[in-house]
Full PDB file with SEQRES, HELIX, SHEET, SSBOND, CRYST1, ORIGX, SCALE, CONECT and MASTER records, all heavy atoms in Angstrom:
SEQRES   1 A   43  ARG TYR GLN ILE PRO VAL ASP ASP GLN ASN HIS ARG PHE          
SEQRES   2 A   43  THR ILE GLY ARG GLY PRO LEU HIS PHE ALA CYS ARG GLN          
SEQRES   3 A   43  ASP GLY VAL VAL GLU PHE TRP ALA CYS ALA PRO THR ASP          
SEQRES   4 A   43  SER ILE ALA LEU                                              
SHEET    1 AA1 3 TYR A   2  PRO A   5  0                                        
SHEET    2 AA1 3 VAL A  29  TRP A  33 -1                                        
SHEET    3 AA1 3 HIS A  21  GLN A  26 -1                                        
CRYST1    1.000    1.000    1.000  90.00  90.00  90.00 P 1           1          
ORIGX1      1.000000  0.000000  0.000000        0.00000                         
ORIGX2      0.000000  1.000000  0.000000        0.00000                         
ORIGX3      0.000000  0.000000  1.000000        0.00000                         
SCALE1      1.000000  0.000000  0.000000        0.00000                         
SCALE2      0.000000  1.000000  0.000000        0.00000                         
SCALE3      0.000000  0.000000  1.000000        0.00000                         
ATOM      1  N   ARG A   1      -5.337   0.312   7.666  1.00  0.00           N  
ATOM      2  CA  ARG A   1      -4.498   1.513   7.630  1.00  0.00           C  
ATOM      3  C   ARG A   1      -3.341   1.255   6.668  1.00  0.00           C  
ATOM      4  O   ARG A   1      -2.739   0.189   6.674  1.00  0.00           O  
ATOM      5  CB  ARG A   1      -3.959   1.817   9.023  1.00  0.00           C  
ATOM      6  CG  ARG A   1      -3.074   3.063   9.073  1.00  0.00           C  
ATOM      7  CD  ARG A   1      -2.582   3.329  10.500  1.00  0.00           C  
ATOM      8  NE  ARG A   1      -1.852   2.206  11.038  1.00  0.00           N  
ATOM      9  CZ  ARG A   1      -0.532   2.012  10.883  1.00  0.00           C  
ATOM     10  NH1 ARG A   1       0.189   2.863  10.191  1.00  0.00           N  
ATOM     11  NH2 ARG A   1       0.049   0.956  11.416  1.00  0.00           N  
ATOM     12  N   TYR A   2      -3.037   2.247   5.851  1.00  0.00           N  
ATOM     13  CA  TYR A   2      -1.945   2.182   4.883  1.00  0.00           C  
ATOM     14  C   TYR A   2      -1.014   3.369   5.111  1.00  0.00           C  
ATOM     15  O   TYR A   2      -1.450   4.403   5.618  1.00  0.00           O  
ATOM     16  CB  TYR A   2      -2.498   2.220   3.456  1.00  0.00           C  
ATOM     17  CG  TYR A   2      -3.470   1.099   3.149  1.00  0.00           C  
ATOM     18  CD1 TYR A   2      -4.821   1.222   3.472  1.00  0.00           C  
ATOM     19  CD2 TYR A   2      -3.038  -0.071   2.557  1.00  0.00           C  
ATOM     20  CE1 TYR A   2      -5.715   0.194   3.196  1.00  0.00           C  
ATOM     21  CE2 TYR A   2      -3.934  -1.104   2.280  1.00  0.00           C  
ATOM     22  CZ  TYR A   2      -5.262  -0.962   2.605  1.00  0.00           C  
ATOM     23  OH  TYR A   2      -6.147  -1.977   2.337  1.00  0.00           O  
ATOM     24  N   GLN A   3       0.242   3.241   4.733  1.00  0.00           N  
ATOM     25  CA  GLN A   3       1.220   4.320   4.921  1.00  0.00           C  
ATOM     26  C   GLN A   3       1.846   4.714   3.592  1.00  0.00           C  
ATOM     27  O   GLN A   3       2.248   3.860   2.805  1.00  0.00           O  
ATOM     28  CB  GLN A   3       2.329   3.890   5.877  1.00  0.00           C  
ATOM     29  CG  GLN A   3       1.843   3.623   7.273  1.00  0.00           C  
ATOM     30  CD  GLN A   3       2.982   3.273   8.210  1.00  0.00           C  
ATOM     31  OE1 GLN A   3       3.997   2.699   7.805  1.00  0.00           O  
ATOM     32  NE2 GLN A   3       2.834   3.625   9.471  1.00  0.00           N  
ATOM     33  N   ILE A   4       1.930   6.038   3.377  1.00  0.00           N  
ATOM     34  CA  ILE A   4       2.610   6.590   2.202  1.00  0.00           C  
ATOM     35  C   ILE A   4       3.822   7.360   2.704  1.00  0.00           C  
ATOM     36  O   ILE A   4       3.670   8.381   3.382  1.00  0.00           O  
ATOM     37  CB  ILE A   4       1.701   7.556   1.410  1.00  0.00           C  
ATOM     38  CG1 ILE A   4       0.330   6.950   1.134  1.00  0.00           C  
ATOM     39  CG2 ILE A   4       2.393   7.979   0.115  1.00  0.00           C  
ATOM     40  CD1 ILE A   4      -0.683   7.949   0.593  1.00  0.00           C  
ATOM     41  N   PRO A   5       5.040   6.907   2.408  1.00  0.00           N  
ATOM     42  CA  PRO A   5       6.221   7.670   2.821  1.00  0.00           C  
ATOM     43  C   PRO A   5       6.282   9.026   2.115  1.00  0.00           C  
ATOM     44  O   PRO A   5       5.868   9.154   0.968  1.00  0.00           O  
ATOM     45  CB  PRO A   5       7.402   6.787   2.379  1.00  0.00           C  
ATOM     46  CG  PRO A   5       6.815   5.432   2.134  1.00  0.00           C  
ATOM     47  CD  PRO A   5       5.377   5.657   1.744  1.00  0.00           C  
ATOM     48  N   VAL A   6       6.785  10.026   2.806  1.00  0.00           N  
ATOM     49  CA  VAL A   6       7.009  11.345   2.214  1.00  0.00           C  
ATOM     50  C   VAL A   6       8.402  11.281   1.585  1.00  0.00           C  
ATOM     51  O   VAL A   6       9.408  11.611   2.223  1.00  0.00           O  
ATOM     52  CB  VAL A   6       6.907  12.470   3.280  1.00  0.00           C  
ATOM     53  CG1 VAL A   6       7.158  13.828   2.634  1.00  0.00           C  
ATOM     54  CG2 VAL A   6       5.551  12.430   3.958  1.00  0.00           C  
ATOM     55  N   ASP A   7       8.455  10.809   0.338  1.00  0.00           N  
ATOM     56  CA  ASP A   7       9.762  10.577  -0.298  1.00  0.00           C  
ATOM     57  C   ASP A   7       9.785  10.919  -1.789  1.00  0.00           C  
ATOM     58  O   ASP A   7      10.674  10.487  -2.512  1.00  0.00           O  
ATOM     59  CB  ASP A   7      10.189   9.123  -0.095  1.00  0.00           C  
ATOM     60  CG  ASP A   7       9.246   8.116  -0.742  1.00  0.00           C  
ATOM     61  OD1 ASP A   7       8.249   8.530  -1.381  1.00  0.00           O  
ATOM     62  OD2 ASP A   7       9.499   6.905  -0.612  1.00  0.00           O  
ATOM     63  N   ASP A   8       8.803  11.690  -2.263  1.00  0.00           N  
ATOM     64  CA  ASP A   8       8.735  12.097  -3.672  1.00  0.00           C  
ATOM     65  C   ASP A   8       8.620  10.914  -4.635  1.00  0.00           C  
ATOM     66  O   ASP A   8       8.973  11.039  -5.805  1.00  0.00           O  
ATOM     67  CB  ASP A   8       9.937  12.969  -4.066  1.00  0.00           C  
ATOM     68  CG  ASP A   8       9.950  14.292  -3.338  1.00  0.00           C  
ATOM     69  OD1 ASP A   8       8.865  14.847  -3.113  1.00  0.00           O  
ATOM     70  OD2 ASP A   8      11.049  14.779  -3.007  1.00  0.00           O  
ATOM     71  N   GLN A   9       8.145   9.778  -4.167  1.00  0.00           N  
ATOM     72  CA  GLN A   9       7.960   8.606  -5.011  1.00  0.00           C  
ATOM     73  C   GLN A   9       6.477   8.261  -5.074  1.00  0.00           C  
ATOM     74  O   GLN A   9       5.711   8.622  -4.184  1.00  0.00           O  
ATOM     75  CB  GLN A   9       8.728   7.394  -4.443  1.00  0.00           C  
ATOM     76  CG  GLN A   9      10.213   7.615  -4.291  1.00  0.00           C  
ATOM     77  CD  GLN A   9      10.898   7.802  -5.624  1.00  0.00           C  
ATOM     78  OE1 GLN A   9      10.654   7.058  -6.570  1.00  0.00           O  
ATOM     79  NE2 GLN A   9      11.749   8.811  -5.717  1.00  0.00           N  
ATOM     80  N   ASN A  10       6.085   7.538  -6.117  1.00  0.00           N  
ATOM     81  CA  ASN A  10       4.731   7.009  -6.217  1.00  0.00           C  
ATOM     82  C   ASN A  10       4.677   5.671  -5.493  1.00  0.00           C  
ATOM     83  O   ASN A  10       5.630   4.888  -5.560  1.00  0.00           O  
ATOM     84  CB  ASN A  10       4.328   6.814  -7.675  1.00  0.00           C  
ATOM     85  CG  ASN A  10       4.257   8.119  -8.428  1.00  0.00           C  
ATOM     86  OD1 ASN A  10       4.230   9.195  -7.848  1.00  0.00           O  
ATOM     87  ND2 ASN A  10       4.217   8.041  -9.744  1.00  0.00           N  
ATOM     88  N   HIS A  11       3.551   5.417  -4.817  1.00  0.00           N  
ATOM     89  CA  HIS A  11       3.385   4.167  -4.072  1.00  0.00           C  
ATOM     90  C   HIS A  11       2.048   3.554  -4.433  1.00  0.00           C  
ATOM     91  O   HIS A  11       1.021   4.230  -4.375  1.00  0.00           O  
ATOM     92  CB  HIS A  11       3.473   4.432  -2.563  1.00  0.00           C  
ATOM     93  CG  HIS A  11       4.801   4.971  -2.162  1.00  0.00           C  
ATOM     94  ND1 HIS A  11       5.877   4.164  -1.902  1.00  0.00           N  
ATOM     95  CD2 HIS A  11       5.243   6.247  -2.023  1.00  0.00           C  
ATOM     96  CE1 HIS A  11       6.921   4.914  -1.590  1.00  0.00           C  
ATOM     97  NE2 HIS A  11       6.557   6.191  -1.665  1.00  0.00           N  
ATOM     98  N   ARG A  12       2.062   2.252  -4.804  1.00  0.00           N  
ATOM     99  CA  ARG A  12       0.850   1.546  -5.224  1.00  0.00           C  
ATOM    100  C   ARG A  12       0.271   0.730  -4.078  1.00  0.00           C  
ATOM    101  O   ARG A  12       1.003   0.107  -3.314  1.00  0.00           O  
ATOM    102  CB  ARG A  12       1.136   0.618  -6.392  1.00  0.00           C  
ATOM    103  CG  ARG A  12       1.324   1.361  -7.677  1.00  0.00           C  
ATOM    104  CD  ARG A  12       1.410   0.433  -8.860  1.00  0.00           C  
ATOM    105  NE  ARG A  12       1.540   1.240 -10.060  1.00  0.00           N  
ATOM    106  CZ  ARG A  12       1.591   0.740 -11.270  1.00  0.00           C  
ATOM    107  NH1 ARG A  12       1.522  -0.558 -11.453  1.00  0.00           N  
ATOM    108  NH2 ARG A  12       1.704   1.542 -12.315  1.00  0.00           N  
ATOM    109  N   PHE A  13      -1.059   0.732  -4.027  1.00  0.00           N  
ATOM    110  CA  PHE A  13      -1.791  -0.010  -3.009  1.00  0.00           C  
ATOM    111  C   PHE A  13      -2.986  -0.685  -3.669  1.00  0.00           C  
ATOM    112  O   PHE A  13      -3.601  -0.119  -4.567  1.00  0.00           O  
ATOM    113  CB  PHE A  13      -2.315   0.935  -1.922  1.00  0.00           C  
ATOM    114  CG  PHE A  13      -1.241   1.733  -1.249  1.00  0.00           C  
ATOM    115  CD1 PHE A  13      -0.856   2.973  -1.743  1.00  0.00           C  
ATOM    116  CD2 PHE A  13      -0.605   1.256  -0.110  1.00  0.00           C  
ATOM    117  CE1 PHE A  13       0.129   3.715  -1.136  1.00  0.00           C  
ATOM    118  CE2 PHE A  13       0.381   1.993   0.506  1.00  0.00           C  
ATOM    119  CZ  PHE A  13       0.757   3.227  -0.007  1.00  0.00           C  
ATOM    120  N   THR A  14      -3.320  -1.867  -3.200  1.00  0.00           N  
ATOM    121  CA  THR A  14      -4.564  -2.508  -3.604  1.00  0.00           C  
ATOM    122  C   THR A  14      -5.514  -2.360  -2.436  1.00  0.00           C  
ATOM    123  O   THR A  14      -5.254  -2.868  -1.341  1.00  0.00           O  
ATOM    124  CB  THR A  14      -4.344  -3.995  -3.949  1.00  0.00           C  
ATOM    125  OG1 THR A  14      -3.396  -4.075  -5.010  1.00  0.00           O  
ATOM    126  CG2 THR A  14      -5.643  -4.634  -4.392  1.00  0.00           C  
ATOM    127  N   ILE A  15      -6.594  -1.615  -2.665  1.00  0.00           N  
ATOM    128  CA  ILE A  15      -7.553  -1.320  -1.605  1.00  0.00           C  
ATOM    129  C   ILE A  15      -8.962  -1.615  -2.091  1.00  0.00           C  
ATOM    130  O   ILE A  15      -9.174  -1.834  -3.280  1.00  0.00           O  
ATOM    131  CB  ILE A  15      -7.446   0.147  -1.129  1.00  0.00           C  
ATOM    132  CG1 ILE A  15      -7.824   1.119  -2.249  1.00  0.00           C  
ATOM    133  CG2 ILE A  15      -6.061   0.447  -0.583  1.00  0.00           C  
ATOM    134  CD1 ILE A  15      -7.915   2.575  -1.815  1.00  0.00           C  
ATOM    135  N   GLY A  16      -9.915  -1.576  -1.161  1.00  0.00           N  
ATOM    136  CA  GLY A  16     -11.325  -1.654  -1.512  1.00  0.00           C  
ATOM    137  C   GLY A  16     -11.853  -0.236  -1.641  1.00  0.00           C  
ATOM    138  O   GLY A  16     -11.236   0.623  -2.267  1.00  0.00           O  
ATOM    139  N   ARG A  17     -12.966   0.055  -0.981  1.00  0.00           N  
ATOM    140  CA  ARG A  17     -13.560   1.392  -1.042  1.00  0.00           C  
ATOM    141  C   ARG A  17     -12.701   2.376  -0.254  1.00  0.00           C  
ATOM    142  O   ARG A  17     -12.221   2.090   0.812  1.00  0.00           O  
ATOM    143  CB  ARG A  17     -14.966   1.300  -0.444  1.00  0.00           C  
ATOM    144  CG  ARG A  17     -15.849   2.454  -0.741  1.00  0.00           C  
ATOM    145  CD  ARG A  17     -17.278   2.171  -0.318  1.00  0.00           C  
ATOM    146  NE  ARG A  17     -17.400   1.651   1.039  1.00  0.00           N  
ATOM    147  CZ  ARG A  17     -17.458   2.422   2.133  1.00  0.00           C  
ATOM    148  NH1 ARG A  17     -17.386   3.712   2.033  1.00  0.00           N  
ATOM    149  NH2 ARG A  17     -17.578   1.860   3.322  1.00  0.00           N  
ATOM    150  N   GLY A  18     -12.538   3.596  -0.779  1.00  0.00           N  
ATOM    151  CA  GLY A  18     -11.774   4.624  -0.076  1.00  0.00           C  
ATOM    152  C   GLY A  18     -10.789   5.290  -1.005  1.00  0.00           C  
ATOM    153  O   GLY A  18     -10.888   5.140  -2.212  1.00  0.00           O  
ATOM    154  N   PRO A  19      -9.857   6.030  -0.449  1.00  0.00           N  
ATOM    155  CA  PRO A  19      -9.525   6.253   0.956  1.00  0.00           C  
ATOM    156  C   PRO A  19     -10.643   6.985   1.708  1.00  0.00           C  
ATOM    157  O   PRO A  19     -11.353   7.811   1.160  1.00  0.00           O  
ATOM    158  CB  PRO A  19      -8.267   7.104   0.920  1.00  0.00           C  
ATOM    159  CG  PRO A  19      -7.706   6.953  -0.456  1.00  0.00           C  
ATOM    160  CD  PRO A  19      -8.881   6.646  -1.346  1.00  0.00           C  
ATOM    161  N   LEU A  20     -10.730   6.657   3.009  1.00  0.00           N  
ATOM    162  CA  LEU A  20     -11.760   7.226   3.858  1.00  0.00           C  
ATOM    163  C   LEU A  20     -11.261   8.423   4.660  1.00  0.00           C  
ATOM    164  O   LEU A  20     -12.041   9.318   4.980  1.00  0.00           O  
ATOM    165  CB  LEU A  20     -12.281   6.150   4.818  1.00  0.00           C  
ATOM    166  CG  LEU A  20     -12.768   4.857   4.154  1.00  0.00           C  
ATOM    167  CD1 LEU A  20     -13.041   3.796   5.196  1.00  0.00           C  
ATOM    168  CD2 LEU A  20     -13.998   5.138   3.314  1.00  0.00           C  
ATOM    169  N   HIS A  21      -9.974   8.430   5.027  1.00  0.00           N  
ATOM    170  CA  HIS A  21      -9.421   9.508   5.856  1.00  0.00           C  
ATOM    171  C   HIS A  21      -7.899   9.521   5.711  1.00  0.00           C  
ATOM    172  O   HIS A  21      -7.281   8.483   5.528  1.00  0.00           O  
ATOM    173  CB  HIS A  21      -9.788   9.268   7.324  1.00  0.00           C  
ATOM    174  CG  HIS A  21      -9.268  10.311   8.249  1.00  0.00           C  
ATOM    175  ND1 HIS A  21      -9.807  11.579   8.295  1.00  0.00           N  
ATOM    176  CD2 HIS A  21      -8.253  10.295   9.148  1.00  0.00           C  
ATOM    177  CE1 HIS A  21      -9.141  12.292   9.196  1.00  0.00           C  
ATOM    178  NE2 HIS A  21      -8.197  11.536   9.722  1.00  0.00           N  
ATOM    179  N   PHE A  22      -7.305  10.731   5.797  1.00  0.00           N  
ATOM    180  CA  PHE A  22      -5.855  10.910   5.772  1.00  0.00           C  
ATOM    181  C   PHE A  22      -5.412  11.546   7.075  1.00  0.00           C  
ATOM    182  O   PHE A  22      -6.123  12.392   7.631  1.00  0.00           O  
ATOM    183  CB  PHE A  22      -5.429  11.810   4.607  1.00  0.00           C  
ATOM    184  CG  PHE A  22      -5.589  11.169   3.260  1.00  0.00           C  
ATOM    185  CD1 PHE A  22      -6.769  11.293   2.547  1.00  0.00           C  
ATOM    186  CD2 PHE A  22      -4.561  10.432   2.703  1.00  0.00           C  
ATOM    187  CE1 PHE A  22      -6.938  10.704   1.316  1.00  0.00           C  
ATOM    188  CE2 PHE A  22      -4.715   9.837   1.456  1.00  0.00           C  
ATOM    189  CZ  PHE A  22      -5.902   9.971   0.768  1.00  0.00           C  
ATOM    190  N   ALA A  23      -4.226  11.169   7.567  1.00  0.00           N  
ATOM    191  CA  ALA A  23      -3.660  11.761   8.778  1.00  0.00           C  
ATOM    192  C   ALA A  23      -2.142  11.641   8.715  1.00  0.00           C  
ATOM    193  O   ALA A  23      -1.587  10.910   7.894  1.00  0.00           O  
ATOM    194  CB  ALA A  23      -4.191  11.063  10.030  1.00  0.00           C  
ATOM    195  N   CYS A  24      -1.483  12.382   9.613  1.00  0.00           N  
ATOM    196  CA  CYS A  24      -0.025  12.322   9.710  1.00  0.00           C  
ATOM    197  C   CYS A  24       0.314  12.333  11.203  1.00  0.00           C  
ATOM    198  O   CYS A  24       0.306  13.392  11.833  1.00  0.00           O  
ATOM    199  CB  CYS A  24       0.597  13.508   8.979  1.00  0.00           C  
ATOM    200  SG  CYS A  24       2.397  13.459   8.933  1.00  0.00           S  
ATOM    201  N   ARG A  25       0.560  11.161  11.757  1.00  0.00           N  
ATOM    202  CA  ARG A  25       0.836  11.060  13.194  1.00  0.00           C  
ATOM    203  C   ARG A  25       2.316  10.982  13.504  1.00  0.00           C  
ATOM    204  O   ARG A  25       2.708  11.105  14.656  1.00  0.00           O  
ATOM    205  CB  ARG A  25       0.113   9.841  13.772  1.00  0.00           C  
ATOM    206  CG  ARG A  25      -1.410   9.945  13.586  1.00  0.00           C  
ATOM    207  CD  ARG A  25      -2.139   8.798  14.209  1.00  0.00           C  
ATOM    208  NE  ARG A  25      -1.779   7.534  13.573  1.00  0.00           N  
ATOM    209  CZ  ARG A  25      -2.103   6.335  14.056  1.00  0.00           C  
ATOM    210  NH1 ARG A  25      -2.775   6.229  15.178  1.00  0.00           N  
ATOM    211  NH2 ARG A  25      -1.753   5.238  13.413  1.00  0.00           N  
ATOM    212  N   GLN A  26       3.149  10.777  12.475  1.00  0.00           N  
ATOM    213  CA  GLN A  26       4.597  10.749  12.670  1.00  0.00           C  
ATOM    214  C   GLN A  26       5.277  11.417  11.481  1.00  0.00           C  
ATOM    215  O   GLN A  26       4.749  11.410  10.372  1.00  0.00           O  
ATOM    216  CB  GLN A  26       5.098   9.318  12.860  1.00  0.00           C  
ATOM    217  CG  GLN A  26       4.812   8.407  11.680  1.00  0.00           C  
ATOM    218  CD  GLN A  26       5.318   7.001  11.896  1.00  0.00           C  
ATOM    219  OE1 GLN A  26       6.372   6.808  12.482  1.00  0.00           O  
ATOM    220  NE2 GLN A  26       4.569   6.010  11.435  1.00  0.00           N  
ATOM    221  N   ASP A  27       6.436  11.998  11.721  1.00  0.00           N  
ATOM    222  CA  ASP A  27       7.160  12.682  10.652  1.00  0.00           C  
ATOM    223  C   ASP A  27       7.510  11.703   9.534  1.00  0.00           C  
ATOM    224  O   ASP A  27       7.892  10.562   9.783  1.00  0.00           O  
ATOM    225  CB  ASP A  27       8.447  13.315  11.196  1.00  0.00           C  
ATOM    226  CG  ASP A  27       8.165  14.518  12.081  1.00  0.00           C  
ATOM    227  OD1 ASP A  27       7.133  15.188  11.848  1.00  0.00           O  
ATOM    228  OD2 ASP A  27       8.967  14.774  13.002  1.00  0.00           O  
ATOM    229  N   GLY A  28       7.376  12.168   8.303  1.00  0.00           N  
ATOM    230  CA  GLY A  28       7.820  11.399   7.149  1.00  0.00           C  
ATOM    231  C   GLY A  28       6.843  10.359   6.632  1.00  0.00           C  
ATOM    232  O   GLY A  28       7.176   9.627   5.701  1.00  0.00           O  
ATOM    233  N   VAL A  29       5.645  10.274   7.221  1.00  0.00           N  
ATOM    234  CA  VAL A  29       4.670   9.272   6.783  1.00  0.00           C  
ATOM    235  C   VAL A  29       3.271   9.861   6.823  1.00  0.00           C  
ATOM    236  O   VAL A  29       2.856  10.414   7.838  1.00  0.00           O  
ATOM    237  CB  VAL A  29       4.707   8.013   7.690  1.00  0.00           C  
ATOM    238  CG1 VAL A  29       3.628   7.019   7.284  1.00  0.00           C  
ATOM    239  CG2 VAL A  29       6.065   7.349   7.655  1.00  0.00           C  
ATOM    240  N   VAL A  30       2.552   9.754   5.713  1.00  0.00           N  
ATOM    241  CA  VAL A  30       1.135  10.095   5.684  1.00  0.00           C  
ATOM    242  C   VAL A  30       0.379   8.767   5.690  1.00  0.00           C  
ATOM    243  O   VAL A  30       0.703   7.847   4.931  1.00  0.00           O  
ATOM    244  CB  VAL A  30       0.766  10.928   4.443  1.00  0.00           C  
ATOM    245  CG1 VAL A  30      -0.735  11.101   4.317  1.00  0.00           C  
ATOM    246  CG2 VAL A  30       1.462  12.288   4.499  1.00  0.00           C  
ATOM    247  N   GLU A  31      -0.596   8.678   6.553  1.00  0.00           N  
ATOM    248  CA  GLU A  31      -1.394   7.462   6.649  1.00  0.00           C  
ATOM    249  C   GLU A  31      -2.760   7.704   6.013  1.00  0.00           C  
ATOM    250  O   GLU A  31      -3.239   8.832   5.972  1.00  0.00           O  
ATOM    251  CB  GLU A  31      -1.633   7.083   8.108  1.00  0.00           C  
ATOM    252  CG  GLU A  31      -0.356   6.823   8.877  1.00  0.00           C  
ATOM    253  CD  GLU A  31      -0.629   6.717  10.358  1.00  0.00           C  
ATOM    254  OE1 GLU A  31      -1.012   7.747  10.961  1.00  0.00           O  
ATOM    255  OE2 GLU A  31      -0.489   5.614  10.907  1.00  0.00           O  
ATOM    256  N   PHE A  32      -3.356   6.620   5.527  1.00  0.00           N  
ATOM    257  CA  PHE A  32      -4.748   6.706   5.112  1.00  0.00           C  
ATOM    258  C   PHE A  32      -5.453   5.414   5.479  1.00  0.00           C  
ATOM    259  O   PHE A  32      -4.827   4.374   5.649  1.00  0.00           O  
ATOM    260  CB  PHE A  32      -4.906   7.052   3.625  1.00  0.00           C  
ATOM    261  CG  PHE A  32      -4.526   5.955   2.659  1.00  0.00           C  
ATOM    262  CD1 PHE A  32      -5.483   5.067   2.182  1.00  0.00           C  
ATOM    263  CD2 PHE A  32      -3.231   5.841   2.190  1.00  0.00           C  
ATOM    264  CE1 PHE A  32      -5.148   4.075   1.268  1.00  0.00           C  
ATOM    265  CE2 PHE A  32      -2.885   4.859   1.278  1.00  0.00           C  
ATOM    266  CZ  PHE A  32      -3.840   3.971   0.817  1.00  0.00           C  
ATOM    267  N   TRP A  33      -6.755   5.546   5.650  1.00  0.00           N  
ATOM    268  CA  TRP A  33      -7.588   4.406   5.995  1.00  0.00           C  
ATOM    269  C   TRP A  33      -8.525   4.140   4.832  1.00  0.00           C  
ATOM    270  O   TRP A  33      -9.091   5.061   4.240  1.00  0.00           O  
ATOM    271  CB  TRP A  33      -8.376   4.691   7.269  1.00  0.00           C  
ATOM    272  CG  TRP A  33      -7.498   4.639   8.490  1.00  0.00           C  
ATOM    273  CD1 TRP A  33      -7.400   3.592   9.362  1.00  0.00           C  
ATOM    274  CD2 TRP A  33      -6.611   5.644   8.974  1.00  0.00           C  
ATOM    275  NE1 TRP A  33      -6.492   3.899  10.361  1.00  0.00           N  
ATOM    276  CE2 TRP A  33      -5.986   5.163  10.147  1.00  0.00           C  
ATOM    277  CE3 TRP A  33      -6.260   6.924   8.535  1.00  0.00           C  
ATOM    278  CZ2 TRP A  33      -5.067   5.884  10.878  1.00  0.00           C  
ATOM    279  CZ3 TRP A  33      -5.327   7.653   9.259  1.00  0.00           C  
ATOM    280  CH2 TRP A  33      -4.746   7.131  10.417  1.00  0.00           C  
ATOM    281  N   ALA A  34      -8.665   2.868   4.492  1.00  0.00           N  
ATOM    282  CA  ALA A  34      -9.536   2.455   3.392  1.00  0.00           C  
ATOM    283  C   ALA A  34     -10.069   1.067   3.699  1.00  0.00           C  
ATOM    284  O   ALA A  34      -9.481   0.326   4.495  1.00  0.00           O  
ATOM    285  CB  ALA A  34      -8.759   2.435   2.072  1.00  0.00           C  
ATOM    286  N   CYS A  35     -11.161   0.724   3.068  1.00  0.00           N  
ATOM    287  CA  CYS A  35     -11.691  -0.630   3.222  1.00  0.00           C  
ATOM    288  C   CYS A  35     -10.724  -1.612   2.573  1.00  0.00           C  
ATOM    289  O   CYS A  35     -10.119  -1.325   1.536  1.00  0.00           O  
ATOM    290  CB  CYS A  35     -13.064  -0.739   2.589  1.00  0.00           C  
ATOM    291  SG  CYS A  35     -14.306   0.223   3.481  1.00  0.00           S  
ATOM    292  N   ALA A  36     -10.569  -2.746   3.208  1.00  0.00           N  
ATOM    293  CA  ALA A  36      -9.694  -3.786   2.676  1.00  0.00           C  
ATOM    294  C   ALA A  36     -10.255  -4.307   1.358  1.00  0.00           C  
ATOM    295  O   ALA A  36     -11.472  -4.309   1.153  1.00  0.00           O  
ATOM    296  CB  ALA A  36      -9.567  -4.923   3.684  1.00  0.00           C  
ATOM    297  N   PRO A  37      -9.375  -4.739   0.457  1.00  0.00           N  
ATOM    298  CA  PRO A  37      -9.865  -5.306  -0.793  1.00  0.00           C  
ATOM    299  C   PRO A  37     -10.654  -6.594  -0.529  1.00  0.00           C  
ATOM    300  O   PRO A  37     -10.381  -7.306   0.431  1.00  0.00           O  
ATOM    301  CB  PRO A  37      -8.605  -5.577  -1.603  1.00  0.00           C  
ATOM    302  CG  PRO A  37      -7.480  -5.545  -0.636  1.00  0.00           C  
ATOM    303  CD  PRO A  37      -7.925  -4.741   0.542  1.00  0.00           C  
ATOM    304  N   THR A  38     -11.622  -6.849  -1.372  1.00  0.00           N  
ATOM    305  CA  THR A  38     -12.420  -8.068  -1.288  1.00  0.00           C  
ATOM    306  C   THR A  38     -12.469  -8.697  -2.671  1.00  0.00           C  
ATOM    307  O   THR A  38     -11.914  -8.152  -3.635  1.00  0.00           O  
ATOM    308  CB  THR A  38     -13.859  -7.755  -0.832  1.00  0.00           C  
ATOM    309  OG1 THR A  38     -14.491  -6.957  -1.837  1.00  0.00           O  
ATOM    310  CG2 THR A  38     -13.886  -7.028   0.504  1.00  0.00           C  
ATOM    311  N   ASP A  39     -13.160  -9.820  -2.766  1.00  0.00           N  
ATOM    312  CA  ASP A  39     -13.331 -10.446  -4.081  1.00  0.00           C  
ATOM    313  C   ASP A  39     -14.121  -9.559  -5.031  1.00  0.00           C  
ATOM    314  O   ASP A  39     -13.942  -9.615  -6.235  1.00  0.00           O  
ATOM    315  CB  ASP A  39     -14.036 -11.792  -3.941  1.00  0.00           C  
ATOM    316  CG  ASP A  39     -13.143 -12.843  -3.305  1.00  0.00           C  
ATOM    317  OD1 ASP A  39     -11.909 -12.701  -3.339  1.00  0.00           O  
ATOM    318  OD2 ASP A  39     -13.698 -13.813  -2.771  1.00  0.00           O  
ATOM    319  N   SER A  40     -15.011  -8.732  -4.486  1.00  0.00           N  
ATOM    320  CA  SER A  40     -15.841  -7.896  -5.358  1.00  0.00           C  
ATOM    321  C   SER A  40     -15.244  -6.519  -5.632  1.00  0.00           C  
ATOM    322  O   SER A  40     -15.550  -5.908  -6.641  1.00  0.00           O  
ATOM    323  CB  SER A  40     -17.250  -7.747  -4.780  1.00  0.00           C  
ATOM    324  OG  SER A  40     -17.192  -7.142  -3.517  1.00  0.00           O  
ATOM    325  N   ILE A  41     -14.420  -5.990  -4.712  1.00  0.00           N  
ATOM    326  CA  ILE A  41     -13.802  -4.678  -4.922  1.00  0.00           C  
ATOM    327  C   ILE A  41     -12.326  -4.755  -4.535  1.00  0.00           C  
ATOM    328  O   ILE A  41     -11.988  -4.889  -3.358  1.00  0.00           O  
ATOM    329  CB  ILE A  41     -14.471  -3.573  -4.093  1.00  0.00           C  
ATOM    330  CG1 ILE A  41     -15.938  -3.416  -4.452  1.00  0.00           C  
ATOM    331  CG2 ILE A  41     -13.736  -2.248  -4.287  1.00  0.00           C  
ATOM    332  CD1 ILE A  41     -16.668  -2.404  -3.604  1.00  0.00           C  
ATOM    333  N   ALA A  42     -11.458  -4.672  -5.517  1.00  0.00           N  
ATOM    334  CA  ALA A  42     -10.024  -4.613  -5.305  1.00  0.00           C  
ATOM    335  C   ALA A  42      -9.463  -3.664  -6.350  1.00  0.00           C  
ATOM    336  O   ALA A  42      -9.386  -3.999  -7.529  1.00  0.00           O  
ATOM    337  CB  ALA A  42      -9.384  -5.994  -5.412  1.00  0.00           C  
ATOM    338  N   LEU A  43      -9.123  -2.465  -5.926  1.00  0.00           N  
ATOM    339  CA  LEU A  43      -8.676  -1.428  -6.845  1.00  0.00           C  
ATOM    340  C   LEU A  43      -7.192  -1.146  -6.657  1.00  0.00           C  
ATOM    341  O   LEU A  43      -6.731  -0.955  -5.534  1.00  0.00           O  
ATOM    342  CB  LEU A  43      -9.465  -0.138  -6.594  1.00  0.00           C  
ATOM    343  CG  LEU A  43     -10.985  -0.271  -6.680  1.00  0.00           C  
ATOM    344  CD1 LEU A  43     -11.640   0.989  -6.157  1.00  0.00           C  
ATOM    345  CD2 LEU A  43     -11.396  -0.561  -8.098  1.00  0.00           C  
TER     346      LEU A  43                                                      
MASTER        0    0    0    0    3    0    0    6  345    1    0    4          
END                                                                             
């Protein structure tokens, strides 16, 4: 699970395959789920 703050800024993440799903369970943060980076896939 990764979190993107709602703050008008760009945020970088190193992930594997995905994002798979987006949700917002708390104010001010959008979450997304993605496969963890591996030796073969790290984007």
